[in-house]
Amino acid sequence: MSRFGPLEARGDSLVLGDAGGHHAELTASALVLREYREQPVSLDWSRIEDVTLTVPETRFRLPGLATTVGLGILGTIFHDWGIADDIEDGTLRVSVTGADPVVMPVTRHHVGGYWTRSVRAASALLSRLVADPAARPMLANPERVVKLLASGR
């Protein structure tokens, strides 16, 4: 299992968001929206006009580590571990041909934002998958996709 920002390779699936909560699975044939404890919604790529990912961002390269340490220090000083309770997770907005847009929450992997470069890479991947059907078969190897995006290629 490898991860780059909001994208995570889990077995034969490329997951957007934390698979333990609200997330989307990117497959070669469809974008599968999985809200926690709800029935999954499968949207064929040919019906999708646009996908917009909105998640908190940061310029720190290791945001999970930085926010965990920072919140730990603040929690110790102020004796309040609820410091980040009001921080929003993310959203995924999917425009579908002939239907209203679908907006769903996306659960983050850690407190704080994702490194900006990783969010841009995830957004670029989503745009390419919508625009270029020939790119979708690469989702058969999610580990490779994550490694390519992380390398900046």
C-alpha atoms as a PDB file:
ATOM      1  CA  MET A   1       0.000   0.000   0.000  1.00  0.00           C
ATOM      2  CA  SER A   2       1.458   3.350  -1.021  1.00  0.00           C
ATOM      3  CA  ARG A   3       0.051   6.836  -0.682  1.00  0.00           C
ATOM      4  CA  PHE A   4       0.687  10.267  -2.164  1.00  0.00           C
ATOM      5  CA  GLY A   5      -1.439  12.989  -0.625  1.00  0.00           C
ATOM      6  CA  PRO A   6      -5.115  12.106  -0.911  1.00  0.00           C
ATOM      7  CA  LEU A   7      -4.442   9.147  -3.250  1.00  0.00           C
ATOM      8  CA  GLU A   8      -3.775   5.670  -1.898  1.00  0.00           C
ATOM      9  CA  ALA A   9      -3.139   2.368  -3.668  1.00  0.00           C
ATOM     10  CA  ARG A  10      -5.122  -0.330  -1.842  1.00  0.00           C
ATOM     11  CA  GLY A  11      -4.885  -3.729  -3.478  1.00  0.00           C
ATOM     12  CA  ASP A  12      -6.247  -3.389  -7.001  1.00  0.00           C
ATOM     13  CA  SER A  13      -7.937  -0.034  -6.305  1.00  0.00           C
ATOM     14  CA  LEU A  14      -6.770   3.555  -6.374  1.00  0.00           C
ATOM     15  CA  VAL A  15      -8.583   5.296  -3.525  1.00  0.00           C
ATOM     16  CA  LEU A  16      -9.125   9.033  -3.160  1.00  0.00           C
ATOM     17  CA  GLY A  17      -9.476   9.870   0.541  1.00  0.00           C
ATOM     18  CA  ASP A  18      -9.245   7.660   3.615  1.00  0.00           C
ATOM     19  CA  ALA A  19     -10.724   4.239   2.804  1.00  0.00           C
ATOM     20  CA  GLY A  20     -11.983   4.006   6.398  1.00  0.00           C
ATOM     21  CA  GLY A  21     -14.379   6.906   5.784  1.00  0.00           C
ATOM     22  CA  HIS A  22     -15.852   8.796   2.840  1.00  0.00           C
ATOM     23  CA  HIS A  23     -13.785   8.084  -0.260  1.00  0.00           C
ATOM     24  CA  ALA A  24     -13.871   7.390  -3.983  1.00  0.00           C
ATOM     25  CA  GLU A  25     -12.403   4.436  -5.848  1.00  0.00           C
ATOM     26  CA  LEU A  26     -10.961   5.128  -9.266  1.00  0.00           C
ATOM     27  CA  THR A  27     -11.295   2.124 -11.562  1.00  0.00           C
ATOM     28  CA  ALA A  28     -10.714   1.785 -15.298  1.00  0.00           C
ATOM     29  CA  SER A  29     -14.467   1.702 -15.954  1.00  0.00           C
ATOM     30  CA  ALA A  30     -15.969   3.940 -13.271  1.00  0.00           C
ATOM     31  CA  LEU A  31     -15.597   6.381 -10.427  1.00  0.00           C
ATOM     32  CA  VAL A  32     -17.140   4.689  -7.389  1.00  0.00           C
ATOM     33  CA  LEU A  33     -18.313   7.056  -4.650  1.00  0.00           C
ATOM     34  CA  ARG A  34     -18.343   5.463  -1.203  1.00  0.00           C
ATOM     35  CA  GLU A  35     -19.864   7.460   1.606  1.00  0.00           C
ATOM     36  CA  TYR A  36     -19.344   5.726   4.939  1.00  0.00           C
ATOM     37  CA  ARG A  37     -22.111   3.172   5.638  1.00  0.00           C
ATOM     38  CA  GLU A  38     -24.021   4.090   2.470  1.00  0.00           C
ATOM     39  CA  GLN A  39     -24.482   2.105  -0.721  1.00  0.00           C
ATOM     40  CA  PRO A  40     -21.711   2.888  -3.224  1.00  0.00           C
ATOM     41  CA  VAL A  41     -22.597   4.952  -6.288  1.00  0.00           C
ATOM     42  CA  SER A  42     -20.821   3.887  -9.474  1.00  0.00           C
ATOM     43  CA  LEU A  43     -20.483   6.520 -12.202  1.00  0.00           C
ATOM     44  CA  ASP A  44     -19.239   5.386 -15.600  1.00  0.00           C
ATOM     45  CA  TRP A  45     -16.401   7.637 -16.798  1.00  0.00           C
ATOM     46  CA  SER A  46     -18.262   8.269 -20.070  1.00  0.00           C
ATOM     47  CA  ARG A  47     -21.028  10.063 -18.114  1.00  0.00           C
ATOM     48  CA  ILE A  48     -18.647  12.289 -16.146  1.00  0.00           C
ATOM     49  CA  GLU A  49     -18.039  15.812 -17.434  1.00  0.00           C
ATOM     50  CA  ASP A  50     -15.836  17.132 -14.630  1.00  0.00           C
ATOM     51  CA  VAL A  51     -14.470  16.171 -11.212  1.00  0.00           C
ATOM     52  CA  THR A  52     -13.312  18.759  -8.681  1.00  0.00           C
ATOM     53  CA  LEU A  53     -11.397  17.792  -5.550  1.00  0.00           C
ATOM     54  CA  THR A  54     -11.330  20.306  -2.707  1.00  0.00           C
ATOM     55  CA  VAL A  55      -9.256  19.435   0.357  1.00  0.00           C
ATOM     56  CA  PRO A  56      -7.242  21.489   2.851  1.00  0.00           C
ATOM     57  CA  GLU A  57      -3.742  22.168   1.508  1.00  0.00           C
ATOM     58  CA  THR A  58      -0.377  23.084   2.978  1.00  0.00           C
ATOM     59  CA  ARG A  59       3.075  23.874   1.630  1.00  0.00           C
ATOM     60  CA  PHE A  60       4.707  21.492   4.128  1.00  0.00           C
ATOM     61  CA  ARG A  61       6.125  18.354   2.504  1.00  0.00           C
ATOM     62  CA  LEU A  62       5.122  16.093   5.447  1.00  0.00           C
ATOM     63  CA  PRO A  63       1.855  17.627   6.651  1.00  0.00           C
ATOM     64  CA  GLY A  64       0.643  14.639   8.674  1.00  0.00           C
ATOM     65  CA  LEU A  65       3.821  14.581  10.744  1.00  0.00           C
ATOM     66  CA  ALA A  66       3.963  18.369  11.173  1.00  0.00           C
ATOM     67  CA  THR A  67       0.354  18.731  12.307  1.00  0.00           C
ATOM     68  CA  THR A  68       0.468  15.709  14.594  1.00  0.00           C
ATOM     69  CA  VAL A  69       3.556  17.025  16.386  1.00  0.00           C
ATOM     70  CA  GLY A  70       2.204  20.591  16.455  1.00  0.00           C
ATOM     71  CA  LEU A  71      -1.200  19.573  17.791  1.00  0.00           C
ATOM     72  CA  GLY A  72       0.464  17.288  20.333  1.00  0.00           C
ATOM     73  CA  ILE A  73       2.491  20.192  21.688  1.00  0.00           C
ATOM     74  CA  LEU A  74      -0.529  22.518  21.767  1.00  0.00           C
ATOM     75  CA  GLY A  75      -2.696  19.813  23.325  1.00  0.00           C
ATOM     76  CA  THR A  76      -0.127  19.307  26.067  1.00  0.00           C
ATOM     77  CA  ILE A  77       0.129  23.038  26.748  1.00  0.00           C
ATOM     78  CA  PHE A  78      -3.606  23.745  26.709  1.00  0.00           C
ATOM     79  CA  HIS A  79      -4.832  20.302  27.873  1.00  0.00           C
ATOM     80  CA  ASP A  80      -7.335  20.235  25.023  1.00  0.00           C
ATOM     81  CA  TRP A  81      -7.092  17.582  22.333  1.00  0.00           C
ATOM     82  CA  GLY A  82     -10.119  19.050  20.517  1.00  0.00           C
ATOM     83  CA  ILE A  83      -8.009  21.774  18.891  1.00  0.00           C
ATOM     84  CA  ALA A  84      -8.720  20.649  15.335  1.00  0.00           C
ATOM     85  CA  ASP A  85     -12.381  19.664  15.763  1.00  0.00           C
ATOM     86  CA  ASP A  86     -13.632  22.373  13.412  1.00  0.00           C
ATOM     87  CA  ILE A  87     -11.264  21.600  10.534  1.00  0.00           C
ATOM     88  CA  GLU A  88     -13.192  20.552   7.455  1.00  0.00           C
ATOM     89  CA  ASP A  89     -12.409  17.400   5.557  1.00  0.00           C
ATOM     90  CA  GLY A  90     -12.688  17.665   1.791  1.00  0.00           C
ATOM     91  CA  THR A  91     -15.290  17.382  -0.925  1.00  0.00           C
ATOM     92  CA  LEU A  92     -15.494  15.760  -4.315  1.00  0.00           C
ATOM     93  CA  ARG A  93     -17.824  17.382  -6.848  1.00  0.00           C
ATOM     94  CA  VAL A  94     -18.706  15.276  -9.872  1.00  0.00           C
ATOM     95  CA  SER A  95     -20.551  16.808 -12.829  1.00  0.00           C
ATOM     96  CA  VAL A  96     -22.547  14.113 -14.599  1.00  0.00           C
ATOM     97  CA  THR A  97     -24.116  14.354 -18.068  1.00  0.00           C
ATOM     98  CA  GLY A  98     -27.868  14.897 -17.829  1.00  0.00           C
ATOM     99  CA  ALA A  99     -27.975  15.033 -14.024  1.00  0.00           C
ATOM    100  CA  ASP A 100     -27.319  17.354 -11.127  1.00  0.00           C
ATOM    101  CA  PRO A 101     -23.740  17.393  -9.850  1.00  0.00           C
ATOM    102  CA  VAL A 102     -22.950  14.910  -7.105  1.00  0.00           C
ATOM    103  CA  VAL A 103     -21.118  16.365  -4.115  1.00  0.00           C
ATOM    104  CA  MET A 104     -19.747  14.063  -1.453  1.00  0.00           C
ATOM    105  CA  PRO A 105     -17.409  14.452   1.516  1.00  0.00           C
ATOM    106  CA  VAL A 106     -13.884  13.058   1.348  1.00  0.00           C
ATOM    107  CA  THR A 107     -12.286  11.945   4.625  1.00  0.00           C
ATOM    108  CA  ARG A 108      -8.647  12.959   5.093  1.00  0.00           C
ATOM    109  CA  HIS A 109      -5.889  10.550   6.124  1.00  0.00           C
ATOM    110  CA  HIS A 110      -4.592  12.867   8.860  1.00  0.00           C
ATOM    111  CA  VAL A 111      -5.266  16.121  10.678  1.00  0.00           C
ATOM    112  CA  GLY A 112      -4.241  19.168   8.664  1.00  0.00           C
ATOM    113  CA  GLY A 113      -3.906  19.715   4.955  1.00  0.00           C
ATOM    114  CA  TYR A 114      -2.315  17.743   2.159  1.00  0.00           C
ATOM    115  CA  TRP A 115       0.883  18.900   0.502  1.00  0.00           C
ATOM    116  CA  THR A 116      -0.203  21.250  -2.309  1.00  0.00           C
ATOM    117  CA  ARG A 117       1.796  19.378  -4.961  1.00  0.00           C
ATOM    118  CA  SER A 118       0.000  16.119  -4.131  1.00  0.00           C
ATOM    119  CA  VAL A 119      -3.425  17.774  -4.389  1.00  0.00           C
ATOM    120  CA  ARG A 120      -2.505  19.281  -7.760  1.00  0.00           C
ATOM    121  CA  ALA A 121      -1.316  15.868  -8.972  1.00  0.00           C
ATOM    122  CA  ALA A 122      -4.561  14.201  -7.831  1.00  0.00           C
ATOM    123  CA  SER A 123      -6.639  16.923  -9.519  1.00  0.00           C
ATOM    124  CA  ALA A 124      -4.633  16.616 -12.748  1.00  0.00           C
ATOM    125  CA  LEU A 125      -5.122  12.839 -12.700  1.00  0.00           C
ATOM    126  CA  LEU A 126      -8.891  13.242 -12.288  1.00  0.00           C
ATOM    127  CA  SER A 127      -9.019  15.718 -15.182  1.00  0.00           C
ATOM    128  CA  ARG A 128      -7.027  13.408 -17.413  1.00  0.00           C
ATOM    129  CA  LEU A 129      -9.217  10.408 -16.581  1.00  0.00           C
ATOM    130  CA  VAL A 130     -12.323  12.406 -17.510  1.00  0.00           C
ATOM    131  CA  ALA A 131     -10.854  13.783 -20.754  1.00  0.00           C
ATOM    132  CA  ASP A 132      -8.800  10.826 -21.997  1.00  0.00           C
ATOM    133  CA  PRO A 133     -10.365   7.339 -22.067  1.00  0.00           C
ATOM    134  CA  ALA A 134      -6.990   5.908 -23.169  1.00  0.00           C
ATOM    135  CA  ALA A 135      -5.534   6.903 -19.774  1.00  0.00           C
ATOM    136  CA  ARG A 136      -8.026   4.871 -17.718  1.00  0.00           C
ATOM    137  CA  PRO A 137      -6.407   1.427 -18.155  1.00  0.00           C
ATOM    138  CA  MET A 138      -3.427   2.663 -16.104  1.00  0.00           C
ATOM    139  CA  LEU A 139      -5.726   2.400 -13.062  1.00  0.00           C
ATOM    140  CA  ALA A 140      -5.278  -1.386 -13.271  1.00  0.00           C
ATOM    141  CA  ASN A 141      -1.917  -0.801 -11.551  1.00  0.00           C
ATOM    142  CA  PRO A 142      -2.634   1.689  -8.728  1.00  0.00           C
ATOM    143  CA  GLU A 143       0.809   1.294  -7.092  1.00  0.00           C
ATOM    144  CA  ARG A 144       2.453   2.427 -10.323  1.00  0.00           C
ATOM    145  CA  VAL A 145       0.096   5.408 -10.642  1.00  0.00           C
ATOM    146  CA  VAL A 146       0.889   6.571  -7.099  1.00  0.00           C
ATOM    147  CA  LYS A 147       4.635   6.179  -7.665  1.00  0.00           C
ATOM    148  CA  LEU A 148       4.493   8.092 -10.964  1.00  0.00           C
ATOM    149  CA  LEU A 149       2.552  10.964  -9.408  1.00  0.00           C
ATOM    150  CA  ALA A 150       4.871  11.091  -6.393  1.00  0.00           C
ATOM    151  CA  SER A 151       7.915  11.211  -8.676  1.00  0.00           C
ATOM    152  CA  GLY A 152       6.537  14.265 -10.474  1.00  0.00           C
ATOM    153  CA  ARG A 153       6.557  12.651 -13.931  1.00  0.00           C
END
